[in-house]
N, C-alpha and C. Protein backbone atom coordinates (compact mmCIF):
# COMPACT_ATOMS: atom_id res chain seq x y z
N MET A 1 69.01 63.44 -13.57
CA MET A 1 67.84 63.19 -12.76
C MET A 1 67.21 61.88 -13.18
N ALA A 2 66.93 61.04 -12.24
CA ALA A 2 66.34 59.74 -12.54
C ALA A 2 64.85 59.87 -12.83
N THR A 3 64.38 59.04 -13.73
CA THR A 3 62.98 58.98 -14.07
C THR A 3 62.45 57.62 -13.67
N GLU A 4 61.25 57.59 -13.09
CA GLU A 4 60.66 56.35 -12.61
C GLU A 4 59.67 55.78 -13.62
N ILE A 5 59.57 54.45 -13.62
CA ILE A 5 58.56 53.74 -14.40
C ILE A 5 58.10 52.54 -13.59
N MET A 6 56.81 52.36 -13.49
CA MET A 6 56.27 51.23 -12.73
C MET A 6 56.44 49.94 -13.53
N MET A 7 56.78 48.88 -12.80
CA MET A 7 56.98 47.58 -13.42
C MET A 7 56.29 46.53 -12.56
N GLN A 8 55.84 45.46 -13.21
CA GLN A 8 55.17 44.39 -12.49
C GLN A 8 55.66 43.04 -13.00
N ASN A 9 55.79 42.10 -12.07
CA ASN A 9 56.09 40.73 -12.44
C ASN A 9 54.76 40.02 -12.63
N PRO A 10 54.40 39.64 -13.88
CA PRO A 10 53.09 39.04 -14.12
C PRO A 10 52.88 37.70 -13.43
N LYS A 11 53.96 37.00 -13.12
CA LYS A 11 53.83 35.70 -12.46
C LYS A 11 53.53 35.84 -10.97
N THR A 12 54.14 36.83 -10.34
CA THR A 12 53.97 36.99 -8.89
C THR A 12 53.06 38.15 -8.51
N GLY A 13 52.84 39.08 -9.43
CA GLY A 13 52.02 40.25 -9.14
C GLY A 13 52.76 41.34 -8.37
N VAL A 14 54.05 41.15 -8.14
CA VAL A 14 54.84 42.12 -7.38
C VAL A 14 55.14 43.33 -8.25
N PHE A 15 54.95 44.51 -7.68
CA PHE A 15 55.27 45.77 -8.36
C PHE A 15 56.60 46.30 -7.86
N LYS A 16 57.38 46.84 -8.77
CA LYS A 16 58.63 47.53 -8.42
C LYS A 16 58.73 48.77 -9.27
N THR A 17 59.53 49.71 -8.81
CA THR A 17 59.77 50.92 -9.57
C THR A 17 61.08 50.79 -10.32
N GLY A 18 61.00 50.86 -11.64
CA GLY A 18 62.19 50.87 -12.46
C GLY A 18 62.67 52.31 -12.60
N LEU A 19 63.94 52.47 -12.81
CA LEU A 19 64.53 53.80 -12.89
C LEU A 19 65.50 53.87 -14.06
N TYR A 20 65.67 55.05 -14.61
CA TYR A 20 66.72 55.28 -15.60
C TYR A 20 67.13 56.74 -15.48
N GLY A 21 68.35 57.01 -15.87
CA GLY A 21 68.91 58.34 -15.70
C GLY A 21 69.92 58.34 -14.56
N PHE A 22 70.45 59.50 -14.24
CA PHE A 22 71.49 59.64 -13.23
C PHE A 22 70.98 59.25 -11.84
N SER A 23 71.76 58.47 -11.11
CA SER A 23 71.39 58.02 -9.76
C SER A 23 72.08 58.89 -8.72
N TRP A 24 71.34 59.86 -8.20
CA TRP A 24 71.90 60.72 -7.15
C TRP A 24 72.19 59.93 -5.89
N THR A 25 71.37 58.93 -5.59
CA THR A 25 71.61 58.14 -4.38
C THR A 25 72.92 57.36 -4.49
N THR A 26 73.22 56.83 -5.67
CA THR A 26 74.49 56.14 -5.86
C THR A 26 75.65 57.13 -5.79
N PHE A 27 75.45 58.31 -6.34
CA PHE A 27 76.48 59.34 -6.30
C PHE A 27 76.85 59.69 -4.85
N PHE A 28 75.83 59.86 -4.00
CA PHE A 28 76.08 60.27 -2.62
C PHE A 28 76.36 59.11 -1.67
N PHE A 29 75.77 57.93 -1.93
CA PHE A 29 75.85 56.83 -0.98
C PHE A 29 76.51 55.58 -1.54
N SER A 30 77.21 55.69 -2.65
CA SER A 30 78.01 54.62 -3.23
C SER A 30 77.18 53.36 -3.47
N GLY A 31 77.48 52.26 -2.83
CA GLY A 31 76.81 50.98 -3.07
C GLY A 31 75.56 50.74 -2.26
N PHE A 32 75.18 51.65 -1.38
CA PHE A 32 74.00 51.42 -0.54
C PHE A 32 72.70 51.29 -1.33
N PRO A 33 72.44 52.09 -2.37
CA PRO A 33 71.20 51.87 -3.13
C PRO A 33 71.11 50.46 -3.71
N ALA A 34 72.22 49.95 -4.23
CA ALA A 34 72.23 48.59 -4.76
C ALA A 34 71.97 47.58 -3.64
N LEU A 35 72.54 47.81 -2.48
CA LEU A 35 72.33 46.92 -1.34
C LEU A 35 70.86 46.91 -0.92
N PHE A 36 70.25 48.07 -0.84
CA PHE A 36 68.84 48.16 -0.43
C PHE A 36 67.89 47.58 -1.48
N ARG A 37 68.31 47.54 -2.73
CA ARG A 37 67.49 46.95 -3.78
C ARG A 37 67.75 45.45 -3.93
N GLY A 38 68.61 44.90 -3.09
CA GLY A 38 68.89 43.47 -3.12
C GLY A 38 69.95 43.06 -4.12
N ASP A 39 70.67 44.01 -4.65
CA ASP A 39 71.71 43.76 -5.64
C ASP A 39 73.06 43.68 -4.93
N ILE A 40 73.26 42.59 -4.18
CA ILE A 40 74.39 42.44 -3.27
C ILE A 40 75.74 42.47 -4.00
N LEU A 41 75.86 41.71 -5.07
CA LEU A 41 77.13 41.63 -5.79
C LEU A 41 77.56 43.00 -6.32
N VAL A 42 76.63 43.72 -6.91
CA VAL A 42 76.95 45.07 -7.42
C VAL A 42 77.32 45.99 -6.27
N SER A 43 76.59 45.88 -5.18
CA SER A 43 76.87 46.71 -4.01
C SER A 43 78.30 46.51 -3.51
N VAL A 44 78.69 45.27 -3.34
CA VAL A 44 80.04 44.97 -2.86
C VAL A 44 81.08 45.47 -3.85
N ALA A 45 80.84 45.24 -5.14
CA ALA A 45 81.79 45.69 -6.16
C ALA A 45 81.95 47.21 -6.15
N VAL A 46 80.84 47.93 -6.02
CA VAL A 46 80.91 49.40 -6.01
C VAL A 46 81.64 49.89 -4.76
N PHE A 47 81.35 49.27 -3.62
CA PHE A 47 82.05 49.66 -2.39
C PHE A 47 83.57 49.47 -2.53
N ILE A 48 83.98 48.31 -3.03
CA ILE A 48 85.40 48.01 -3.17
C ILE A 48 86.06 48.95 -4.17
N LEU A 49 85.42 49.11 -5.33
CA LEU A 49 85.99 50.00 -6.34
C LEU A 49 86.03 51.46 -5.87
N SER A 50 85.02 51.86 -5.11
CA SER A 50 85.01 53.23 -4.57
C SER A 50 86.15 53.46 -3.60
N LEU A 51 86.42 52.45 -2.78
CA LEU A 51 87.55 52.57 -1.86
C LEU A 51 88.88 52.66 -2.61
N LEU A 52 89.01 51.84 -3.64
CA LEU A 52 90.26 51.80 -4.40
C LEU A 52 90.47 53.06 -5.25
N THR A 53 89.37 53.71 -5.64
CA THR A 53 89.49 54.87 -6.52
C THR A 53 89.11 56.18 -5.81
N PHE A 54 89.03 56.13 -4.48
CA PHE A 54 88.71 57.32 -3.69
C PHE A 54 87.37 57.95 -4.10
N GLY A 55 86.38 57.11 -4.40
CA GLY A 55 85.03 57.57 -4.72
C GLY A 55 84.77 57.80 -6.19
N LEU A 56 85.78 57.73 -7.02
CA LEU A 56 85.60 57.98 -8.45
C LEU A 56 84.70 56.93 -9.10
N ALA A 57 84.81 55.69 -8.66
CA ALA A 57 83.99 54.62 -9.23
C ALA A 57 82.50 54.88 -8.98
N ALA A 58 82.16 55.36 -7.79
CA ALA A 58 80.75 55.67 -7.48
C ALA A 58 80.24 56.78 -8.38
N PHE A 59 81.08 57.75 -8.68
CA PHE A 59 80.68 58.83 -9.58
C PHE A 59 80.31 58.28 -10.95
N PHE A 60 81.17 57.44 -11.53
CA PHE A 60 80.88 56.87 -12.84
C PHE A 60 79.70 55.89 -12.79
N TRP A 61 79.62 55.12 -11.73
CA TRP A 61 78.54 54.14 -11.61
C TRP A 61 77.18 54.83 -11.47
N ALA A 62 77.16 56.05 -10.94
CA ALA A 62 75.91 56.80 -10.79
C ALA A 62 75.25 57.07 -12.14
N PHE A 63 76.05 57.16 -13.19
CA PHE A 63 75.49 57.36 -14.53
C PHE A 63 74.89 56.08 -15.10
N LEU A 64 75.28 54.93 -14.58
CA LEU A 64 74.89 53.64 -15.16
C LEU A 64 73.93 52.81 -14.32
N TYR A 65 73.91 53.02 -13.00
CA TYR A 65 73.24 52.06 -12.13
C TYR A 65 71.74 51.94 -12.35
N ASN A 66 71.01 53.03 -12.49
CA ASN A 66 69.56 52.92 -12.64
C ASN A 66 69.17 52.13 -13.89
N LYS A 67 69.87 52.36 -14.98
CA LYS A 67 69.60 51.60 -16.20
C LYS A 67 69.92 50.12 -15.98
N HIS A 68 71.05 49.84 -15.34
CA HIS A 68 71.44 48.46 -15.04
C HIS A 68 70.35 47.77 -14.21
N TYR A 69 69.87 48.43 -13.17
CA TYR A 69 68.85 47.87 -12.29
C TYR A 69 67.56 47.56 -13.05
N THR A 70 67.11 48.49 -13.87
CA THR A 70 65.86 48.30 -14.60
C THR A 70 66.00 47.20 -15.65
N LEU A 71 67.12 47.13 -16.33
CA LEU A 71 67.34 46.05 -17.29
C LEU A 71 67.37 44.69 -16.60
N LYS A 72 67.92 44.63 -15.38
CA LYS A 72 67.91 43.38 -14.61
C LYS A 72 66.48 42.99 -14.25
N LEU A 73 65.63 43.96 -13.92
CA LEU A 73 64.22 43.66 -13.64
C LEU A 73 63.55 43.07 -14.88
N LEU A 74 63.83 43.64 -16.04
CA LEU A 74 63.26 43.10 -17.29
C LEU A 74 63.73 41.67 -17.53
N GLU A 75 65.01 41.40 -17.26
CA GLU A 75 65.55 40.05 -17.43
C GLU A 75 64.86 39.06 -16.49
N ARG A 76 64.47 39.53 -15.30
CA ARG A 76 63.81 38.65 -14.32
C ARG A 76 62.32 38.48 -14.59
N GLY A 77 61.81 39.03 -15.69
CA GLY A 77 60.43 38.82 -16.07
C GLY A 77 59.48 39.96 -15.78
N TYR A 78 59.97 41.04 -15.23
CA TYR A 78 59.11 42.19 -14.99
C TYR A 78 58.76 42.85 -16.32
N VAL A 79 57.57 43.44 -16.38
CA VAL A 79 57.13 44.16 -17.56
C VAL A 79 56.73 45.57 -17.13
N PHE A 80 56.75 46.49 -18.07
CA PHE A 80 56.34 47.85 -17.77
C PHE A 80 54.84 47.89 -17.49
N ASP A 81 54.45 48.63 -16.49
CA ASP A 81 53.04 48.74 -16.11
C ASP A 81 52.75 50.22 -15.80
N ASP A 82 52.81 51.03 -16.83
CA ASP A 82 52.64 52.47 -16.67
C ASP A 82 51.95 52.99 -17.92
N SER A 83 51.85 54.30 -18.05
CA SER A 83 51.20 54.88 -19.23
C SER A 83 52.03 54.58 -20.48
N GLU A 84 51.35 54.55 -21.62
CA GLU A 84 52.03 54.23 -22.87
C GLU A 84 53.15 55.24 -23.15
N GLU A 85 52.91 56.49 -22.85
CA GLU A 85 53.93 57.52 -23.08
C GLU A 85 55.19 57.26 -22.24
N LYS A 86 55.00 56.92 -20.96
CA LYS A 86 56.14 56.63 -20.10
C LYS A 86 56.88 55.38 -20.57
N ILE A 87 56.12 54.39 -21.01
CA ILE A 87 56.73 53.14 -21.48
C ILE A 87 57.57 53.40 -22.73
N ARG A 88 57.02 54.18 -23.66
CA ARG A 88 57.77 54.51 -24.89
C ARG A 88 59.07 55.25 -24.57
N LYS A 89 58.99 56.21 -23.67
CA LYS A 89 60.18 56.99 -23.29
C LYS A 89 61.21 56.08 -22.61
N ALA A 90 60.74 55.20 -21.71
CA ALA A 90 61.65 54.29 -21.01
C ALA A 90 62.32 53.34 -22.00
N CYS A 91 61.56 52.80 -22.93
CA CYS A 91 62.13 51.88 -23.93
C CYS A 91 63.20 52.58 -24.75
N LEU A 92 62.95 53.82 -25.12
CA LEU A 92 63.92 54.58 -25.89
C LEU A 92 65.20 54.81 -25.08
N LYS A 93 65.06 55.23 -23.83
CA LYS A 93 66.22 55.52 -22.99
C LYS A 93 66.99 54.25 -22.60
N LEU A 94 66.26 53.14 -22.43
CA LEU A 94 66.90 51.89 -22.01
C LEU A 94 67.42 51.07 -23.20
N GLY A 95 67.00 51.42 -24.40
CA GLY A 95 67.45 50.69 -25.58
C GLY A 95 66.79 49.33 -25.74
N VAL A 96 65.52 49.24 -25.34
CA VAL A 96 64.78 47.99 -25.49
C VAL A 96 63.60 48.21 -26.42
N ALA A 97 63.09 47.13 -26.99
CA ALA A 97 61.97 47.22 -27.91
C ALA A 97 60.68 47.54 -27.16
N PHE A 98 59.84 48.35 -27.79
CA PHE A 98 58.54 48.67 -27.20
C PHE A 98 57.68 47.41 -27.22
N PRO A 99 57.09 47.03 -26.08
CA PRO A 99 56.30 45.80 -26.04
C PRO A 99 55.02 45.93 -26.86
N GLN A 100 54.74 44.90 -27.63
CA GLN A 100 53.51 44.88 -28.42
C GLN A 100 52.35 44.40 -27.54
N PRO A 101 51.16 44.97 -27.71
CA PRO A 101 50.01 44.51 -26.91
C PRO A 101 49.69 43.06 -27.23
N ALA A 102 49.22 42.36 -26.21
CA ALA A 102 48.85 40.95 -26.39
C ALA A 102 47.65 40.86 -27.33
N ALA A 103 47.53 39.72 -28.02
CA ALA A 103 46.42 39.52 -28.95
C ALA A 103 45.10 39.65 -28.21
N GLY A 104 44.18 40.39 -28.80
CA GLY A 104 42.87 40.56 -28.19
C GLY A 104 42.78 41.77 -27.28
N LYS A 105 43.88 42.38 -26.95
CA LYS A 105 43.88 43.58 -26.12
C LYS A 105 44.01 44.80 -27.00
N GLN A 106 43.40 45.88 -26.57
CA GLN A 106 43.52 47.13 -27.32
C GLN A 106 44.68 47.93 -26.78
N ALA A 107 45.34 48.66 -27.67
CA ALA A 107 46.48 49.48 -27.26
C ALA A 107 46.05 50.73 -26.57
């Protein structure tokens, strides 16, 4: 089951929902979730691999895609914008360091 975490790009102010855990949408709809999230290259790769493996690739990718998507958001400059508890859990599951509060801000 996927877990959601709110994320924001501090430069643009855009909010997105980060996810981690099993992707049921990828399991059932192959590369369409990646396509709808703007991840064209991954979408095409999953579609092709799913065709070649009779859907087996989508099954395995369902275990990885949400984490991949959220890590890509972090690489693009998004930061977690949710409760401290949710952020700690997400950092643990995603294997990233817990962000330290900025100087002058209280935790």
